[in-house]
């Protein structure tokens, strides 16, 4: 079964914004967790019972600069694990 989670106009927090200020990073990760949890609930994505494969596609506006390709994965995978869509992010 393939589940698609589409979150319009949302970008996971890049890793460079998570490094540094601990309290700011916690707020940003919490916002990502809440966003992913809400859209998983709306799209009726069940909790993971086994392994799942994740593909992350970020659509940029014309002229918008892309961040490092590995940068958004940390926050995205942590949010998916927190809402139960993934068992672990290894």
N, C-alpha and C. Protein backbone atom coordinates (compact mmCIF):
# COMPACT_ATOMS: atom_id res chain seq x y z
N UNK A 1 0.84 -1.18 0.00
CA UNK A 1 0.00 0.00 0.00
C UNK A 1 0.89 1.24 0.00
N UNK A 2 0.54 2.20 -0.82
CA UNK A 2 1.30 3.46 -0.90
C UNK A 2 0.46 4.57 -0.30
N UNK A 3 1.05 5.30 0.63
CA UNK A 3 0.39 6.45 1.25
C UNK A 3 1.13 7.71 0.82
N UNK A 4 0.37 8.73 0.46
CA UNK A 4 0.96 10.00 0.05
C UNK A 4 0.53 11.07 1.03
N UNK A 5 1.51 11.74 1.58
CA UNK A 5 1.25 12.84 2.51
C UNK A 5 1.68 14.12 1.81
N UNK A 6 0.71 14.93 1.44
CA UNK A 6 0.97 16.19 0.76
C UNK A 6 0.66 17.33 1.71
N UNK A 7 1.65 18.14 2.01
CA UNK A 7 1.46 19.29 2.89
C UNK A 7 1.78 20.54 2.07
N UNK A 8 0.74 21.28 1.67
CA UNK A 8 0.96 22.44 0.79
C UNK A 8 1.70 23.57 1.51
N UNK A 9 2.60 24.20 0.77
CA UNK A 9 3.34 25.38 1.23
C UNK A 9 4.06 25.15 2.56
N UNK A 10 4.61 23.95 2.78
CA UNK A 10 5.34 23.64 4.00
C UNK A 10 6.69 23.06 3.65
N UNK A 11 7.70 23.49 4.36
CA UNK A 11 9.06 22.96 4.21
C UNK A 11 9.53 22.52 5.59
N UNK A 12 10.07 21.32 5.72
CA UNK A 12 10.63 20.92 7.02
C UNK A 12 11.76 21.85 7.42
N UNK A 13 11.93 22.02 8.70
CA UNK A 13 12.99 22.88 9.20
C UNK A 13 14.34 22.29 8.82
N UNK A 14 15.19 23.07 8.15
CA UNK A 14 16.52 22.54 7.78
C UNK A 14 17.41 22.36 9.00
N UNK A 15 18.35 21.47 8.86
CA UNK A 15 19.23 21.09 9.97
C UNK A 15 20.01 22.28 10.53
N UNK A 16 20.45 23.20 9.69
CA UNK A 16 21.25 24.32 10.19
C UNK A 16 20.44 25.24 11.11
N UNK A 17 19.11 25.25 11.01
CA UNK A 17 18.29 26.03 11.93
C UNK A 17 18.04 25.27 13.23
N UNK A 18 18.23 23.95 13.21
CA UNK A 18 18.05 23.15 14.43
C UNK A 18 19.29 23.17 15.31
N UNK A 19 20.43 23.50 14.72
CA UNK A 19 21.67 23.56 15.49
C UNK A 19 21.79 24.94 16.12
N UNK A 20 22.33 24.99 17.29
CA UNK A 20 22.51 26.28 17.96
C UNK A 20 21.59 26.42 19.16
N UNK A 21 20.66 27.32 19.09
CA UNK A 21 19.77 27.61 20.21
C UNK A 21 18.82 26.44 20.47
N UNK A 22 18.96 25.83 21.63
CA UNK A 22 18.18 24.64 21.99
C UNK A 22 16.68 24.92 22.05
N UNK A 23 16.29 26.06 22.62
CA UNK A 23 14.88 26.37 22.79
C UNK A 23 14.21 26.69 21.46
N UNK A 24 14.92 27.40 20.60
CA UNK A 24 14.38 27.71 19.28
C UNK A 24 14.22 26.43 18.47
N UNK A 25 15.20 25.54 18.56
CA UNK A 25 15.14 24.27 17.83
C UNK A 25 13.97 23.43 18.31
N UNK A 26 13.72 23.43 19.62
CA UNK A 26 12.60 22.66 20.16
C UNK A 26 11.27 23.19 19.64
N UNK A 27 11.13 24.51 19.55
CA UNK A 27 9.90 25.10 19.02
C UNK A 27 9.71 24.75 17.55
N UNK A 28 10.79 24.82 16.77
CA UNK A 28 10.70 24.51 15.34
C UNK A 28 10.35 23.05 15.10
N UNK A 29 10.97 22.14 15.87
CA UNK A 29 10.67 20.72 15.73
C UNK A 29 9.25 20.41 16.17
N UNK A 30 8.78 21.09 17.20
CA UNK A 30 7.40 20.88 17.65
C UNK A 30 6.42 21.35 16.58
N UNK A 31 6.69 22.46 15.94
CA UNK A 31 5.82 22.95 14.87
C UNK A 31 5.79 21.95 13.71
N UNK A 32 6.94 21.37 13.38
CA UNK A 32 6.98 20.36 12.32
C UNK A 32 6.21 19.11 12.72
N UNK A 33 6.37 18.67 13.98
CA UNK A 33 5.63 17.49 14.46
C UNK A 33 4.12 17.72 14.38
N UNK A 34 3.67 18.89 14.82
CA UNK A 34 2.24 19.17 14.80
C UNK A 34 1.70 19.23 13.37
N UNK A 35 2.45 19.80 12.46
CA UNK A 35 2.02 19.89 11.06
C UNK A 35 1.90 18.50 10.44
N UNK A 36 2.92 17.68 10.62
CA UNK A 36 2.91 16.33 10.06
C UNK A 36 1.80 15.50 10.71
N UNK A 37 1.64 15.61 12.01
CA UNK A 37 0.61 14.84 12.70
C UNK A 37 -0.78 15.23 12.18
N UNK A 38 -1.03 16.51 12.03
CA UNK A 38 -2.32 16.98 11.56
C UNK A 38 -2.62 16.45 10.15
N UNK A 39 -1.67 16.54 9.24
CA UNK A 39 -1.91 16.09 7.86
C UNK A 39 -1.96 14.57 7.77
N UNK A 40 -1.25 13.85 8.62
CA UNK A 40 -1.39 12.39 8.66
C UNK A 40 -2.80 12.02 9.11
N UNK A 41 -3.32 12.76 10.07
CA UNK A 41 -4.68 12.51 10.56
C UNK A 41 -5.72 12.82 9.46
N UNK A 42 -5.55 13.94 8.78
CA UNK A 42 -6.49 14.33 7.71
C UNK A 42 -6.47 13.31 6.58
N UNK A 43 -5.28 12.84 6.20
CA UNK A 43 -5.15 11.90 5.08
C UNK A 43 -5.36 10.45 5.50
N UNK A 44 -5.68 10.23 6.77
CA UNK A 44 -5.97 8.88 7.29
C UNK A 44 -4.83 7.89 7.04
N UNK A 45 -3.61 8.34 7.33
CA UNK A 45 -2.45 7.46 7.21
C UNK A 45 -2.33 6.67 8.50
N UNK A 46 -2.41 5.34 8.43
CA UNK A 46 -2.38 4.53 9.65
C UNK A 46 -0.98 4.48 10.27
N UNK A 47 -0.94 4.07 11.52
CA UNK A 47 0.35 3.89 12.19
C UNK A 47 1.13 2.78 11.49
N UNK A 48 2.42 2.91 11.49
CA UNK A 48 3.28 1.93 10.83
C UNK A 48 3.34 0.63 11.63
N UNK A 49 3.16 -0.47 10.94
CA UNK A 49 3.29 -1.77 11.59
C UNK A 49 4.56 -2.48 11.13
N UNK A 50 5.18 -1.98 10.09
CA UNK A 50 6.41 -2.56 9.56
C UNK A 50 7.27 -1.47 8.94
N UNK A 51 8.17 -1.88 8.10
CA UNK A 51 9.05 -0.92 7.44
C UNK A 51 8.26 -0.13 6.41
N UNK A 52 8.65 1.12 6.24
CA UNK A 52 8.08 1.98 5.21
C UNK A 52 9.21 2.74 4.53
N UNK A 53 8.99 3.05 3.29
CA UNK A 53 9.95 3.84 2.53
C UNK A 53 9.40 5.26 2.43
N UNK A 54 10.27 6.24 2.60
CA UNK A 54 9.85 7.64 2.57
C UNK A 54 10.57 8.35 1.43
N UNK A 55 9.81 9.08 0.66
CA UNK A 55 10.36 9.95 -0.38
C UNK A 55 9.93 11.36 -0.06
N UNK A 56 10.87 12.27 0.00
CA UNK A 56 10.59 13.67 0.34
C UNK A 56 10.77 14.51 -0.90
N UNK A 57 9.72 15.20 -1.31
CA UNK A 57 9.77 16.09 -2.46
C UNK A 57 9.40 17.49 -1.98
N UNK A 58 10.28 18.44 -2.21
CA UNK A 58 10.03 19.82 -1.81
C UNK A 58 9.93 20.65 -3.07
N UNK A 59 8.83 21.36 -3.21
CA UNK A 59 8.60 22.20 -4.39
C UNK A 59 8.93 23.63 -4.01
N UNK A 60 9.83 24.23 -4.76
CA UNK A 60 10.26 25.59 -4.49
C UNK A 60 9.58 26.57 -5.43
N UNK A 61 9.42 27.79 -4.95
CA UNK A 61 8.88 28.86 -5.79
C UNK A 61 9.95 29.24 -6.81
N UNK A 62 9.55 29.86 -7.92
CA UNK A 62 10.56 30.32 -8.88
C UNK A 62 11.51 31.33 -8.22
N UNK A 63 12.79 31.09 -8.38
CA UNK A 63 13.80 31.97 -7.81
C UNK A 63 14.17 31.65 -6.37
N UNK A 64 13.48 30.72 -5.74
CA UNK A 64 13.79 30.37 -4.35
C UNK A 64 14.99 29.43 -4.32
N UNK A 65 15.91 29.68 -3.40
CA UNK A 65 17.12 28.86 -3.31
C UNK A 65 16.84 27.59 -2.52
N UNK A 66 17.39 26.51 -3.00
CA UNK A 66 17.24 25.22 -2.31
C UNK A 66 18.31 25.10 -1.23
N UNK A 67 17.97 24.41 -0.16
CA UNK A 67 18.94 24.15 0.89
C UNK A 67 19.68 22.85 0.54
N UNK A 68 20.60 22.46 1.40
CA UNK A 68 21.35 21.23 1.23
C UNK A 68 20.36 20.06 1.15
N UNK A 69 20.55 19.11 0.24
CA UNK A 69 19.58 18.02 0.06
C UNK A 69 19.33 17.18 1.31
N UNK A 70 20.32 17.02 2.19
CA UNK A 70 20.13 16.22 3.40
C UNK A 70 19.51 17.03 4.55
N UNK A 71 19.48 18.32 4.42
CA UNK A 71 19.10 19.19 5.51
C UNK A 71 17.68 19.00 6.05
N UNK A 72 16.64 18.87 5.23
CA UNK A 72 15.28 18.75 5.79
C UNK A 72 14.92 17.37 6.32
N UNK A 73 15.74 16.36 6.09
CA UNK A 73 15.40 15.00 6.47
C UNK A 73 15.28 14.80 7.97
N UNK A 74 16.14 15.42 8.77
CA UNK A 74 16.14 15.20 10.22
C UNK A 74 14.79 15.55 10.82
N UNK A 75 14.32 16.75 10.58
CA UNK A 75 13.06 17.19 11.16
C UNK A 75 11.88 16.41 10.59
N UNK A 76 11.93 16.11 9.31
CA UNK A 76 10.83 15.38 8.67
C UNK A 76 10.71 13.96 9.23
N UNK A 77 11.80 13.25 9.31
CA UNK A 77 11.77 11.88 9.83
C UNK A 77 11.40 11.84 11.31
N UNK A 78 11.91 12.79 12.09
CA UNK A 78 11.55 12.85 13.51
C UNK A 78 10.05 13.10 13.67
N UNK A 79 9.49 13.95 12.84
CA UNK A 79 8.05 14.24 12.91
C UNK A 79 7.23 13.02 12.51
N UNK A 80 7.66 12.29 11.50
CA UNK A 80 6.95 11.08 11.07
C UNK A 80 6.99 10.00 12.15
N UNK A 81 8.11 9.87 12.83
CA UNK A 81 8.22 8.90 13.93
C UNK A 81 7.33 9.32 15.09
N UNK A 82 7.32 10.61 15.40
CA UNK A 82 6.53 11.10 16.54
C UNK A 82 5.04 10.88 16.33
N UNK A 83 4.56 10.98 15.10
CA UNK A 83 3.12 10.79 14.87
C UNK A 83 2.77 9.35 14.56
N UNK A 84 3.76 8.47 14.47
CA UNK A 84 3.49 7.05 14.29
C UNK A 84 3.48 6.59 12.85
N UNK A 85 3.73 7.48 11.91
CA UNK A 85 3.74 7.08 10.50
C UNK A 85 4.97 6.23 10.16
N UNK A 86 6.02 6.33 10.97
CA UNK A 86 7.21 5.49 10.85
C UNK A 86 7.49 4.88 12.21
N UNK A 87 8.06 3.68 12.21
CA UNK A 87 8.44 3.06 13.48
C UNK A 87 9.73 3.64 14.00
N UNK A 88 10.70 3.79 13.13
CA UNK A 88 11.97 4.40 13.50
C UNK A 88 12.55 5.06 12.26
N UNK A 89 13.48 5.97 12.46
CA UNK A 89 14.00 6.71 11.31
C UNK A 89 15.41 6.28 10.91
N UNK A 90 15.73 5.05 11.11
CA UNK A 90 17.04 4.51 10.69
C UNK A 90 17.01 4.16 9.21
